[in-house]
Amino acid sequence: MGRKLSFCKDDALAKARDMFGRRGYEKTCMRDVANELSVPVASLYHSFGDKNALLTASLEAFFEGTVKPKMLALAAAEHPMAAIEAHFAGLIECYSNPENTARGCVMLHAAGDLVEQVPEAARLAKQMMKFSREQFMAAIERGQELGEITRVHDAEFLSAHLMANVIAIKTWLRMGATVDRLQNYTRQALAILRP
C-alpha cells in the first residue's frame, strides 16, 4: 500500500490564486499547481474537483481571508480618510512587489473575462468587488459625517471612483508603471475626497 500524501489546502489555494493571476486562467493547469506543491495531481482533483472549482475556491479563500477583513476594518476605521489613504498605499506596496503582483488580479480577470468559462468564479469576483465598494461607501459616509471627506460628491459616486482607481493601480502595475508614478497618481485621485 502506498503512503498517503497530504497538503495544506490553504497553501494550495494561495498558490493556485497566485498562479492564475501570474499566468492567467487559460495557461494554468492543475498539473502546474500540483508540481508547485510537490503533490500528485490526483490529490488536487480529489480535494477541489476541476480547474474551475479550484479557481472559485481560491477566490473565495482570498475574499474570506484577505479582502473581507481589510475592507471591514477600513469601513470601521476611526479616521476614514486616513484609512482610505493607507489602503491605497498598501495596495501599491503589495502589488508592486514582484512576488505579489498576481494577488488579487485574478479577481479582476474572473469578473470580466471568465464569465462564460467559469461563471461561478465570475459571480464570486463580482460579489467581492460589490462588497469592497459597499465598504468604501460606508467609510466615505462616515468621513462625510466627520467632515474628513467632501460632501460635494455623494458617497456612491466617490465609492465608484475608488473602485475604478483600485482597478487602475492593479492594471498599471502589471504594465510596468513605477511605484513613484502610482503614488503621485493616487495622491491626485484621492484629492477629490478632500473637503
N, C-alpha and C. Protein backbone atom coordinates (compact mmCIF):
# COMPACT_ATOMS: atom_id res chain seq x y z
N MET A 1 0.83 -1.18 0.00
CA MET A 1 0.00 0.00 0.00
C MET A 1 0.88 1.24 0.00
N GLY A 2 0.57 2.21 -0.87
CA GLY A 2 1.35 3.44 -0.98
C GLY A 2 1.12 4.35 0.21
N ARG A 3 2.07 5.26 0.39
CA ARG A 3 1.93 6.17 1.52
C ARG A 3 0.94 7.28 1.15
N LYS A 4 0.18 7.70 2.15
CA LYS A 4 -0.82 8.74 1.95
C LYS A 4 -0.14 10.10 1.90
N LEU A 5 -0.39 10.86 0.83
CA LEU A 5 0.18 12.19 0.68
C LEU A 5 -0.86 13.23 1.08
N SER A 6 -0.41 14.24 1.79
CA SER A 6 -1.34 15.29 2.19
C SER A 6 -0.70 16.65 1.94
N PHE A 7 -1.53 17.68 1.93
CA PHE A 7 -1.03 19.03 1.75
C PHE A 7 -2.00 19.98 2.43
N CYS A 8 -1.53 21.16 2.67
CA CYS A 8 -2.37 22.18 3.31
C CYS A 8 -3.25 22.81 2.23
N LYS A 9 -4.56 22.71 2.42
CA LYS A 9 -5.48 23.26 1.42
C LYS A 9 -5.33 24.77 1.29
N ASP A 10 -5.08 25.46 2.40
CA ASP A 10 -4.89 26.91 2.33
C ASP A 10 -3.68 27.27 1.47
N ASP A 11 -2.59 26.51 1.63
CA ASP A 11 -1.41 26.75 0.79
C ASP A 11 -1.72 26.48 -0.68
N ALA A 12 -2.47 25.41 -0.93
CA ALA A 12 -2.82 25.08 -2.31
C ALA A 12 -3.67 26.18 -2.94
N LEU A 13 -4.62 26.71 -2.18
CA LEU A 13 -5.48 27.76 -2.72
C LEU A 13 -4.70 29.05 -2.96
N ALA A 14 -3.79 29.39 -2.06
CA ALA A 14 -2.96 30.58 -2.25
C ALA A 14 -2.05 30.42 -3.46
N LYS A 15 -1.45 29.26 -3.59
CA LYS A 15 -0.56 29.00 -4.74
C LYS A 15 -1.35 29.03 -6.04
N ALA A 16 -2.52 28.41 -6.04
CA ALA A 16 -3.35 28.42 -7.25
C ALA A 16 -3.75 29.84 -7.63
N ARG A 17 -4.17 30.62 -6.65
CA ARG A 17 -4.57 32.01 -6.93
C ARG A 17 -3.42 32.80 -7.53
N ASP A 18 -2.24 32.65 -6.95
CA ASP A 18 -1.08 33.37 -7.48
C ASP A 18 -0.72 32.91 -8.90
N MET A 19 -0.82 31.61 -9.12
CA MET A 19 -0.51 31.10 -10.47
C MET A 19 -1.54 31.55 -11.49
N PHE A 20 -2.81 31.51 -11.12
CA PHE A 20 -3.86 32.00 -12.03
C PHE A 20 -3.62 33.49 -12.35
N GLY A 21 -3.25 34.25 -11.32
CA GLY A 21 -3.01 35.67 -11.52
C GLY A 21 -1.79 35.95 -12.37
N ARG A 22 -0.73 35.20 -12.17
CA ARG A 22 0.52 35.42 -12.89
C ARG A 22 0.46 34.91 -14.32
N ARG A 23 -0.08 33.70 -14.51
CA ARG A 23 -0.09 33.07 -15.84
C ARG A 23 -1.38 33.28 -16.61
N GLY A 24 -2.46 33.56 -15.87
CA GLY A 24 -3.77 33.60 -16.48
C GLY A 24 -4.46 32.26 -16.33
N TYR A 25 -5.77 32.29 -16.38
CA TYR A 25 -6.56 31.07 -16.19
C TYR A 25 -6.25 30.03 -17.27
N GLU A 26 -6.21 30.47 -18.51
CA GLU A 26 -6.05 29.54 -19.62
C GLU A 26 -4.70 28.83 -19.60
N LYS A 27 -3.65 29.49 -19.14
CA LYS A 27 -2.29 28.92 -19.18
C LYS A 27 -1.90 28.21 -17.90
N THR A 28 -2.81 28.11 -16.96
CA THR A 28 -2.53 27.39 -15.72
C THR A 28 -3.35 26.11 -15.71
N CYS A 29 -2.68 25.00 -15.45
CA CYS A 29 -3.40 23.73 -15.37
C CYS A 29 -3.21 23.13 -13.97
N MET A 30 -4.02 22.16 -13.68
CA MET A 30 -3.97 21.51 -12.37
C MET A 30 -2.58 20.91 -12.12
N ARG A 31 -1.96 20.39 -13.15
CA ARG A 31 -0.63 19.80 -13.01
C ARG A 31 0.39 20.86 -12.58
N ASP A 32 0.27 22.10 -13.10
CA ASP A 32 1.18 23.18 -12.69
C ASP A 32 1.10 23.42 -11.19
N VAL A 33 -0.13 23.50 -10.69
CA VAL A 33 -0.33 23.75 -9.26
C VAL A 33 0.20 22.57 -8.45
N ALA A 34 -0.10 21.35 -8.91
CA ALA A 34 0.37 20.16 -8.21
C ALA A 34 1.90 20.13 -8.16
N ASN A 35 2.55 20.45 -9.29
CA ASN A 35 4.01 20.47 -9.32
C ASN A 35 4.56 21.51 -8.35
N GLU A 36 3.93 22.66 -8.28
CA GLU A 36 4.38 23.72 -7.37
C GLU A 36 4.27 23.28 -5.92
N LEU A 37 3.26 22.47 -5.61
CA LEU A 37 3.06 21.97 -4.25
C LEU A 37 3.77 20.65 -3.98
N SER A 38 4.37 20.07 -5.03
CA SER A 38 5.04 18.77 -4.92
C SER A 38 4.09 17.67 -4.43
N VAL A 39 2.89 17.65 -5.03
CA VAL A 39 1.91 16.61 -4.72
C VAL A 39 1.40 16.03 -6.04
N PRO A 40 0.86 14.83 -6.01
CA PRO A 40 0.28 14.26 -7.23
C PRO A 40 -0.93 15.08 -7.67
N VAL A 41 -1.10 15.22 -8.97
CA VAL A 41 -2.22 16.00 -9.49
C VAL A 41 -3.55 15.39 -9.05
N ALA A 42 -3.58 14.08 -8.87
CA ALA A 42 -4.81 13.41 -8.42
C ALA A 42 -5.27 13.93 -7.05
N SER A 43 -4.30 14.33 -6.21
CA SER A 43 -4.65 14.87 -4.89
C SER A 43 -5.43 16.18 -5.02
N LEU A 44 -5.03 17.02 -5.99
CA LEU A 44 -5.75 18.27 -6.21
C LEU A 44 -7.16 18.00 -6.72
N TYR A 45 -7.26 17.10 -7.69
CA TYR A 45 -8.59 16.77 -8.22
C TYR A 45 -9.48 16.21 -7.12
N HIS A 46 -8.91 15.37 -6.27
CA HIS A 46 -9.68 14.77 -5.19
C HIS A 46 -10.16 15.85 -4.20
N SER A 47 -9.29 16.83 -3.90
CA SER A 47 -9.62 17.85 -2.91
C SER A 47 -10.51 18.96 -3.43
N PHE A 48 -10.33 19.34 -4.71
CA PHE A 48 -11.02 20.53 -5.22
C PHE A 48 -11.93 20.28 -6.40
N GLY A 49 -11.79 19.16 -7.06
CA GLY A 49 -12.55 18.94 -8.29
C GLY A 49 -11.73 19.42 -9.48
N ASP A 50 -12.36 20.08 -10.42
CA ASP A 50 -11.65 20.51 -11.62
C ASP A 50 -11.03 21.90 -11.46
N LYS A 51 -10.43 22.40 -12.53
CA LYS A 51 -9.75 23.70 -12.51
C LYS A 51 -10.72 24.83 -12.19
N ASN A 52 -11.94 24.76 -12.71
CA ASN A 52 -12.93 25.79 -12.43
C ASN A 52 -13.22 25.86 -10.93
N ALA A 53 -13.37 24.71 -10.32
CA ALA A 53 -13.65 24.67 -8.88
C ALA A 53 -12.46 25.16 -8.07
N LEU A 54 -11.25 24.87 -8.54
CA LEU A 54 -10.05 25.34 -7.86
C LEU A 54 -9.97 26.87 -7.93
N LEU A 55 -10.25 27.44 -9.09
CA LEU A 55 -10.25 28.90 -9.22
C LEU A 55 -11.28 29.52 -8.28
N THR A 56 -12.48 28.98 -8.29
CA THR A 56 -13.55 29.52 -7.45
C THR A 56 -13.18 29.41 -5.97
N ALA A 57 -12.65 28.26 -5.57
CA ALA A 57 -12.25 28.08 -4.16
C ALA A 57 -11.12 29.03 -3.79
N SER A 58 -10.18 29.27 -4.70
CA SER A 58 -9.07 30.16 -4.39
C SER A 58 -9.56 31.60 -4.25
N LEU A 59 -10.51 32.00 -5.08
CA LEU A 59 -11.09 33.34 -4.95
C LEU A 59 -11.85 33.49 -3.63
N GLU A 60 -12.60 32.46 -3.29
CA GLU A 60 -13.37 32.51 -2.03
C GLU A 60 -12.45 32.61 -0.83
N ALA A 61 -11.35 31.86 -0.85
CA ALA A 61 -10.39 31.92 0.26
C ALA A 61 -9.74 33.30 0.33
N PHE A 62 -9.44 33.89 -0.82
CA PHE A 62 -8.85 35.23 -0.86
C PHE A 62 -9.83 36.26 -0.30
N PHE A 63 -11.09 36.11 -0.66
CA PHE A 63 -12.11 37.04 -0.15
C PHE A 63 -12.24 36.92 1.36
N GLU A 64 -12.43 35.70 1.86
CA GLU A 64 -12.66 35.49 3.29
C GLU A 64 -11.43 35.82 4.13
N GLY A 65 -10.25 35.49 3.62
CA GLY A 65 -9.03 35.66 4.42
C GLY A 65 -8.36 37.01 4.28
N THR A 66 -8.60 37.71 3.19
CA THR A 66 -7.88 38.96 2.93
C THR A 66 -8.81 40.14 2.67
N VAL A 67 -9.60 40.04 1.61
CA VAL A 67 -10.40 41.18 1.18
C VAL A 67 -11.42 41.59 2.24
N LYS A 68 -12.22 40.63 2.70
CA LYS A 68 -13.30 40.95 3.64
C LYS A 68 -12.79 41.58 4.93
N PRO A 69 -11.78 40.98 5.62
CA PRO A 69 -11.32 41.61 6.86
C PRO A 69 -10.74 43.01 6.64
N LYS A 70 -9.99 43.18 5.56
CA LYS A 70 -9.39 44.50 5.29
C LYS A 70 -10.47 45.55 5.03
N MET A 71 -11.45 45.19 4.25
CA MET A 71 -12.48 46.17 3.89
C MET A 71 -13.40 46.47 5.07
N LEU A 72 -13.69 45.48 5.89
CA LEU A 72 -14.50 45.73 7.10
C LEU A 72 -13.75 46.65 8.06
N ALA A 73 -12.44 46.45 8.20
CA ALA A 73 -11.63 47.32 9.06
C ALA A 73 -11.60 48.74 8.51
N LEU A 74 -11.50 48.87 7.19
CA LEU A 74 -11.50 50.19 6.57
C LEU A 74 -12.82 50.91 6.86
N ALA A 75 -13.93 50.21 6.70
CA ALA A 75 -15.25 50.82 6.91
C ALA A 75 -15.46 51.24 8.36
N ALA A 76 -14.81 50.56 9.29
CA ALA A 76 -14.99 50.85 10.71
C ALA A 76 -13.90 51.76 11.29
N ALA A 77 -12.97 52.21 10.46
CA ALA A 77 -11.83 53.00 10.95
C ALA A 77 -12.28 54.29 11.62
N GLU A 78 -11.55 54.68 12.65
CA GLU A 78 -11.88 55.91 13.38
C GLU A 78 -11.72 57.14 12.49
N HIS A 79 -10.73 57.12 11.62
CA HIS A 79 -10.48 58.22 10.69
C HIS A 79 -10.56 57.69 9.27
N PRO A 80 -11.73 57.75 8.65
CA PRO A 80 -11.95 57.12 7.34
C PRO A 80 -11.02 57.61 6.23
N MET A 81 -10.73 58.90 6.17
CA MET A 81 -9.87 59.40 5.09
C MET A 81 -8.47 58.81 5.22
N ALA A 82 -7.94 58.80 6.43
CA ALA A 82 -6.62 58.22 6.65
C ALA A 82 -6.62 56.73 6.32
N ALA A 83 -7.71 56.04 6.64
CA ALA A 83 -7.81 54.61 6.35
C ALA A 83 -7.84 54.36 4.85
N ILE A 84 -8.53 55.21 4.11
CA ILE A 84 -8.58 55.07 2.64
C ILE A 84 -7.20 55.32 2.05
N GLU A 85 -6.52 56.35 2.53
CA GLU A 85 -5.16 56.63 2.04
C GLU A 85 -4.22 55.47 2.34
N ALA A 86 -4.32 54.92 3.55
CA ALA A 86 -3.47 53.79 3.93
C ALA A 86 -3.79 52.56 3.08
N HIS A 87 -5.07 52.38 2.77
CA HIS A 87 -5.48 51.24 1.94
C HIS A 87 -4.81 51.32 0.57
N PHE A 88 -4.84 52.49 -0.04
CA PHE A 88 -4.24 52.64 -1.36
C PHE A 88 -2.72 52.53 -1.31
N ALA A 89 -2.11 53.05 -0.26
CA ALA A 89 -0.66 52.90 -0.11
C ALA A 89 -0.30 51.42 0.04
N GLY A 90 -1.13 50.69 0.78
CA GLY A 90 -0.90 49.25 0.95
C GLY A 90 -1.06 48.48 -0.35
N LEU A 91 -2.05 48.87 -1.16
CA LEU A 91 -2.22 48.22 -2.46
C LEU A 91 -0.98 48.39 -3.32
N ILE A 92 -0.49 49.62 -3.38
CA ILE A 92 0.70 49.88 -4.20
C ILE A 92 1.89 49.09 -3.68
N GLU A 93 2.07 49.08 -2.37
CA GLU A 93 3.19 48.34 -1.78
C GLU A 93 3.09 46.84 -2.07
N CYS A 94 1.89 46.28 -1.86
CA CYS A 94 1.69 44.84 -2.05
C CYS A 94 1.84 44.44 -3.51
N TYR A 95 1.14 45.14 -4.38
CA TYR A 95 1.10 44.72 -5.78
C TYR A 95 2.34 45.11 -6.56
N SER A 96 3.17 46.02 -6.02
CA SER A 96 4.40 46.37 -6.72
C SER A 96 5.53 45.39 -6.38
N ASN A 97 5.33 44.57 -5.36
CA ASN A 97 6.30 43.54 -5.01
C ASN A 97 6.20 42.44 -6.07
N PRO A 98 7.29 42.16 -6.79
CA PRO A 98 7.23 41.17 -7.87
C PRO A 98 6.67 39.81 -7.44
N GLU A 99 6.87 39.44 -6.19
CA GLU A 99 6.35 38.16 -5.71
C GLU A 99 4.84 38.21 -5.49
N ASN A 100 4.26 39.39 -5.38
CA ASN A 100 2.85 39.52 -5.06
C ASN A 100 2.01 40.10 -6.19
N THR A 101 2.59 40.36 -7.34
CA THR A 101 1.84 41.04 -8.39
C THR A 101 0.61 40.29 -8.83
N ALA A 102 0.59 38.98 -8.66
CA ALA A 102 -0.57 38.21 -9.11
C ALA A 102 -1.73 38.27 -8.12
N ARG A 103 -1.46 38.59 -6.87
CA ARG A 103 -2.50 38.52 -5.84
C ARG A 103 -3.62 39.50 -6.14
N GLY A 104 -4.82 38.96 -6.24
CA GLY A 104 -5.97 39.82 -6.46
C GLY A 104 -6.28 40.09 -7.91
N CYS A 105 -5.26 40.10 -8.78
CA CYS A 105 -5.51 40.39 -10.20
C CYS A 105 -6.41 39.34 -10.82
N VAL A 106 -6.34 38.13 -10.35
CA VAL A 106 -7.20 37.08 -10.87
C VAL A 106 -8.67 37.41 -10.60
N MET A 107 -8.94 38.17 -9.55
CA MET A 107 -10.31 38.59 -9.26
C MET A 107 -10.84 39.45 -10.41
N LEU A 108 -10.04 40.40 -10.88
CA LEU A 108 -10.46 41.25 -11.98
C LEU A 108 -10.63 40.44 -13.26
N HIS A 109 -9.71 39.52 -13.49
CA HIS A 109 -9.79 38.67 -14.68
C HIS A 109 -11.07 37.83 -14.63
N ALA A 110 -11.36 37.26 -13.47
CA ALA A 110 -12.56 36.42 -13.35
C ALA A 110 -13.83 37.23 -13.54
N ALA A 111 -13.85 38.44 -12.99
CA ALA A 111 -15.06 39.27 -13.08
C ALA A 111 -15.35 39.70 -14.51
N GLY A 112 -14.30 39.90 -15.31
CA GLY A 112 -14.51 40.43 -16.65
C GLY A 112 -14.40 39.45 -17.78
N ASP A 113 -13.42 38.55 -17.71
CA ASP A 113 -13.09 37.72 -18.87
C ASP A 113 -13.55 36.27 -18.78
N LEU A 114 -13.91 35.82 -17.60
CA LEU A 114 -14.22 34.39 -17.44
C LEU A 114 -15.70 34.12 -17.20
N VAL A 115 -16.54 35.07 -17.58
CA VAL A 115 -17.97 34.95 -17.31
C VAL A 115 -18.55 33.68 -17.93
N GLU A 116 -18.16 33.37 -19.16
CA GLU A 116 -18.69 32.17 -19.82
C GLU A 116 -17.94 30.91 -19.42
N GLN A 117 -16.62 31.00 -19.26
CA GLN A 117 -15.82 29.82 -18.94
C GLN A 117 -16.04 29.33 -17.51
N VAL A 118 -16.04 30.26 -16.57
CA VAL A 118 -16.14 29.91 -15.15
C VAL A 118 -17.16 30.84 -14.49
N PRO A 119 -18.44 30.63 -14.77
CA PRO A 119 -19.46 31.56 -14.28
C PRO A 119 -19.51 31.69 -12.77
N GLU A 120 -19.24 30.63 -12.04
CA GLU A 120 -19.28 30.70 -10.58
C GLU A 120 -18.16 31.61 -10.05
N ALA A 121 -16.97 31.50 -10.64
CA ALA A 121 -15.86 32.37 -10.23
C ALA A 121 -16.15 33.82 -10.61
N ALA A 122 -16.75 34.03 -11.78
CA ALA A 122 -17.10 35.39 -12.21
C ALA A 122 -18.13 36.00 -11.27
N ARG A 123 -19.12 35.21 -10.87
CA ARG A 123 -20.14 35.70 -9.94
C ARG A 123 -19.50 36.07 -8.61
N LEU A 124 -18.62 35.23 -8.12
CA LEU A 124 -17.95 35.48 -6.84
C LEU A 124 -17.06 36.72 -6.93
N ALA A 125 -16.33 36.88 -8.03
CA ALA A 125 -15.45 38.04 -8.18
C ALA A 125 -16.26 39.33 -8.21
N LYS A 126 -17.39 39.31 -8.88
CA LYS A 126 -18.26 40.50 -8.91
C LYS A 126 -18.83 40.78 -7.53
N GLN A 127 -19.15 39.74 -6.79
CA GLN A 127 -19.65 39.91 -5.43
C GLN A 127 -18.56 40.54 -4.54
N MET A 128 -17.32 40.10 -4.72
CA MET A 128 -16.20 40.66 -3.96
C MET A 128 -16.03 42.15 -4.25
N MET A 129 -16.13 42.51 -5.52
CA MET A 129 -15.98 43.90 -5.91
C MET A 129 -17.14 44.75 -5.37
N LYS A 130 -18.33 44.19 -5.40
CA LYS A 130 -19.50 44.90 -4.85
C LYS A 130 -19.33 45.12 -3.35
N PHE A 131 -18.88 44.09 -2.65
CA PHE A 131 -18.65 44.20 -1.21
C PHE A 131 -17.61 45.28 -0.92
N SER A 132 -16.53 45.30 -1.68
CA SER A 132 -15.49 46.30 -1.47
C SER A 132 -16.04 47.70 -1.69
N ARG A 133 -16.83 47.87 -2.72
CA ARG A 133 -17.42 49.18 -2.99
C ARG A 133 -18.35 49.60 -1.85
N GLU A 134 -19.12 48.67 -1.33
CA GLU A 134 -20.02 48.99 -0.21
C GLU A 134 -19.24 49.44 1.03
N GLN A 135 -18.08 48.82 1.26
CA GLN A 135 -17.27 49.20 2.42
C GLN A 135 -16.62 50.57 2.19
N PHE A 136 -16.19 50.83 0.97
CA PHE A 136 -15.70 52.18 0.64
C PHE A 136 -16.81 53.20 0.90
N MET A 137 -18.03 52.87 0.47
CA MET A 137 -19.15 53.79 0.64
C MET A 137 -19.41 54.05 2.12
N ALA A 138 -19.36 53.01 2.94
CA ALA A 138 -19.58 53.18 4.38
C ALA A 138 -18.50 54.09 4.99
N ALA A 139 -17.26 53.89 4.58
CA ALA A 139 -16.17 54.73 5.09
C ALA A 139 -16.35 56.17 4.64
N ILE A 140 -16.73 56.35 3.39
CA ILE A 140 -16.94 57.71 2.86
C ILE A 140 -18.07 58.41 3.60
N GLU A 141 -19.17 57.71 3.82
CA GLU A 141 -20.30 58.32 4.55
C GLU A 141 -19.88 58.74 5.95
N ARG A 142 -19.12 57.89 6.64
CA ARG A 142 -18.63 58.26 7.98
C ARG A 142 -17.69 59.45 7.88
N GLY A 143 -16.82 59.43 6.87
CA GLY A 143 -15.90 60.54 6.68
C GLY A 143 -16.62 61.85 6.39
N GLN A 144 -17.72 61.76 5.66
CA GLN A 144 -18.52 62.96 5.39
C GLN A 144 -19.17 63.48 6.68
N GLU A 145 -19.65 62.57 7.50
CA GLU A 145 -20.26 62.97 8.78
C GLU A 145 -19.23 63.64 9.69
N LEU A 146 -17.99 63.16 9.63
CA LEU A 146 -16.93 63.71 10.48
C LEU A 146 -16.28 64.95 9.88
N GLY A 147 -16.62 65.28 8.64
CA GLY A 147 -16.02 66.43 7.97
C GLY A 147 -14.67 66.14 7.35
N GLU A 148 -14.26 64.87 7.30
CA GLU A 148 -12.97 64.50 6.71
C GLU A 148 -13.06 64.35 5.19
N ILE A 149 -14.26 64.12 4.69
CA ILE A 149 -14.46 63.85 3.26
C ILE A 149 -15.53 64.81 2.75
N THR A 150 -15.32 65.31 1.55
CA THR A 150 -16.22 66.30 0.95
C THR A 150 -17.63 65.77 0.79
N ARG A 151 -18.59 66.71 0.83
CA ARG A 151 -19.97 66.39 0.53
C ARG A 151 -20.35 66.91 -0.86
N VAL A 152 -19.38 67.45 -1.58
CA VAL A 152 -19.65 67.95 -2.94
C VAL A 152 -20.13 66.81 -3.83
N HIS A 153 -19.55 65.63 -3.62
CA HIS A 153 -19.96 64.44 -4.36
C HIS A 153 -20.59 63.46 -3.37
N ASP A 154 -21.58 62.69 -3.85
CA ASP A 154 -22.20 61.73 -2.94
C ASP A 154 -21.32 60.50 -2.78
N ALA A 155 -21.61 59.74 -1.73
CA ALA A 155 -20.79 58.58 -1.38
C ALA A 155 -20.81 57.52 -2.48
N GLU A 156 -21.92 57.38 -3.18
CA GLU A 156 -21.99 56.39 -4.25
C GLU A 156 -21.00 56.72 -5.37
N PHE A 157 -20.96 57.99 -5.78
CA PHE A 157 -20.00 58.40 -6.81
C PHE A 157 -18.57 58.21 -6.34
N LEU A 158 -18.28 58.63 -5.11
CA LEU A 158 -16.91 58.53 -4.61
C LEU A 158 -16.47 57.08 -4.43
N SER A 159 -17.38 56.20 -4.02
CA SER A 159 -17.01 54.79 -3.88
C SER A 159 -16.72 54.17 -5.25
N ALA A 160 -17.48 54.55 -6.27
CA ALA A 160 -17.21 54.08 -7.63
C ALA A 160 -15.85 54.60 -8.11
N HIS A 161 -15.54 55.84 -7.77
CA HIS A 161 -14.25 56.44 -8.11
C HIS A 161 -13.11 55.64 -7.48
N LEU A 162 -13.27 55.27 -6.21
CA LEU A 162 -12.23 54.50 -5.53
C LEU A 162 -12.06 53.12 -6.16
N MET A 163 -13.16 52.46 -6.49
CA MET A 163 -13.05 51.13 -7.13
C MET A 163 -12.36 51.23 -8.48
N ALA A 164 -12.68 52.27 -9.24
CA ALA A 164 -12.03 52.46 -10.54
C ALA A 164 -10.53 52.64 -10.35
N ASN A 165 -10.12 53.30 -9.29
CA ASN A 165 -8.71 53.52 -9.04
C ASN A 165 -8.01 52.27 -8.53
N VAL A 166 -8.71 51.42 -7.80
CA VAL A 166 -8.14 50.11 -7.42
C VAL A 166 -7.81 49.33 -8.69
N ILE A 167 -8.75 49.29 -9.60
CA ILE A 167 -8.56 48.57 -10.87
C ILE A 167 -7.41 49.18 -11.66
N ALA A 168 -7.36 50.51 -11.71
CA ALA A 168 -6.30 51.19 -12.45
C ALA A 168 -4.93 50.86 -11.88
N ILE A 169 -4.79 50.88 -10.56
CA ILE A 169 -3.50 50.59 -9.93
C ILE A 169 -3.03 49.19 -10.29
N LYS A 170 -3.91 48.22 -10.16
CA LYS A 170 -3.54 46.84 -10.44
C LYS A 170 -3.17 46.66 -11.91
N THR A 171 -3.91 47.31 -12.78
CA THR A 171 -3.64 47.20 -14.21
C THR A 171 -2.32 47.87 -14.57
N TRP A 172 -2.10 49.07 -14.08
CA TRP A 172 -0.88 49.80 -14.42
C TRP A 172 0.36 49.11 -13.87
N LEU A 173 0.27 48.54 -12.68
CA LEU A 173 1.41 47.82 -12.15
C LEU A 173 1.77 46.62 -13.02
N ARG A 174 0.77 45.94 -13.53
CA ARG A 174 1.04 44.81 -14.43
C ARG A 174 1.65 45.27 -15.74
N MET A 175 1.43 46.55 -16.07
CA MET A 175 2.00 47.10 -17.31
C MET A 175 3.35 47.76 -17.06
N GLY A 176 3.84 47.70 -15.83
CA GLY A 176 5.19 48.18 -15.54
C GLY A 176 5.29 49.60 -15.02
N ALA A 177 4.20 50.21 -14.57
CA ALA A 177 4.28 51.57 -14.02
C ALA A 177 5.14 51.57 -12.76
N THR A 178 5.87 52.66 -12.55
CA THR A 178 6.72 52.76 -11.37
C THR A 178 5.89 53.08 -10.13
N VAL A 179 6.43 52.72 -8.98
CA VAL A 179 5.76 52.99 -7.72
C VAL A 179 5.61 54.50 -7.52
N ASP A 180 6.66 55.28 -7.84
CA ASP A 180 6.57 56.74 -7.69
C ASP A 180 5.44 57.32 -8.51
N ARG A 181 5.30 56.86 -9.74
CA ARG A 181 4.23 57.37 -10.60
C ARG A 181 2.85 57.02 -10.02
N LEU A 182 2.72 55.79 -9.53
CA LEU A 182 1.43 55.39 -8.96
C LEU A 182 1.11 56.13 -7.67
N GLN A 183 2.13 56.38 -6.85
CA GLN A 183 1.89 57.15 -5.63
C GLN A 183 1.44 58.56 -5.96
N ASN A 184 2.05 59.16 -6.95
CA ASN A 184 1.66 60.50 -7.39
C ASN A 184 0.24 60.49 -7.94
N TYR A 185 -0.06 59.50 -8.77
CA TYR A 185 -1.40 59.37 -9.34
C TYR A 185 -2.44 59.20 -8.22
N THR A 186 -2.12 58.35 -7.25
CA THR A 186 -3.06 58.07 -6.16
C THR A 186 -3.32 59.32 -5.32
N ARG A 187 -2.28 60.10 -5.04
CA ARG A 187 -2.48 61.35 -4.30
C ARG A 187 -3.48 62.25 -5.03
N GLN A 188 -3.32 62.35 -6.34
CA GLN A 188 -4.24 63.20 -7.12
C GLN A 188 -5.64 62.59 -7.17
N ALA A 189 -5.72 61.27 -7.31
CA ALA A 189 -7.03 60.60 -7.40
C ALA A 189 -7.80 60.73 -6.09
N LEU A 190 -7.09 60.70 -4.97
CA LEU A 190 -7.76 60.78 -3.66
C LEU A 190 -8.06 62.23 -3.27
N ALA A 191 -7.45 63.19 -3.95
CA ALA A 191 -7.69 64.59 -3.63
C ALA A 191 -9.16 64.97 -3.80
N ILE A 192 -9.87 64.27 -4.67
CA ILE A 192 -11.29 64.56 -4.90
C ILE A 192 -12.13 64.32 -3.64
N LEU A 193 -11.63 63.51 -2.72
CA LEU A 193 -12.36 63.22 -1.48
C LEU A 193 -12.21 64.32 -0.44
N ARG A 194 -11.20 65.13 -0.57
CA ARG A 194 -10.92 66.12 0.48
C ARG A 194 -11.91 67.28 0.46
N PRO A 195 -12.30 67.76 1.63
CA PRO A 195 -13.25 68.89 1.69
C PRO A 195 -12.60 70.18 1.18
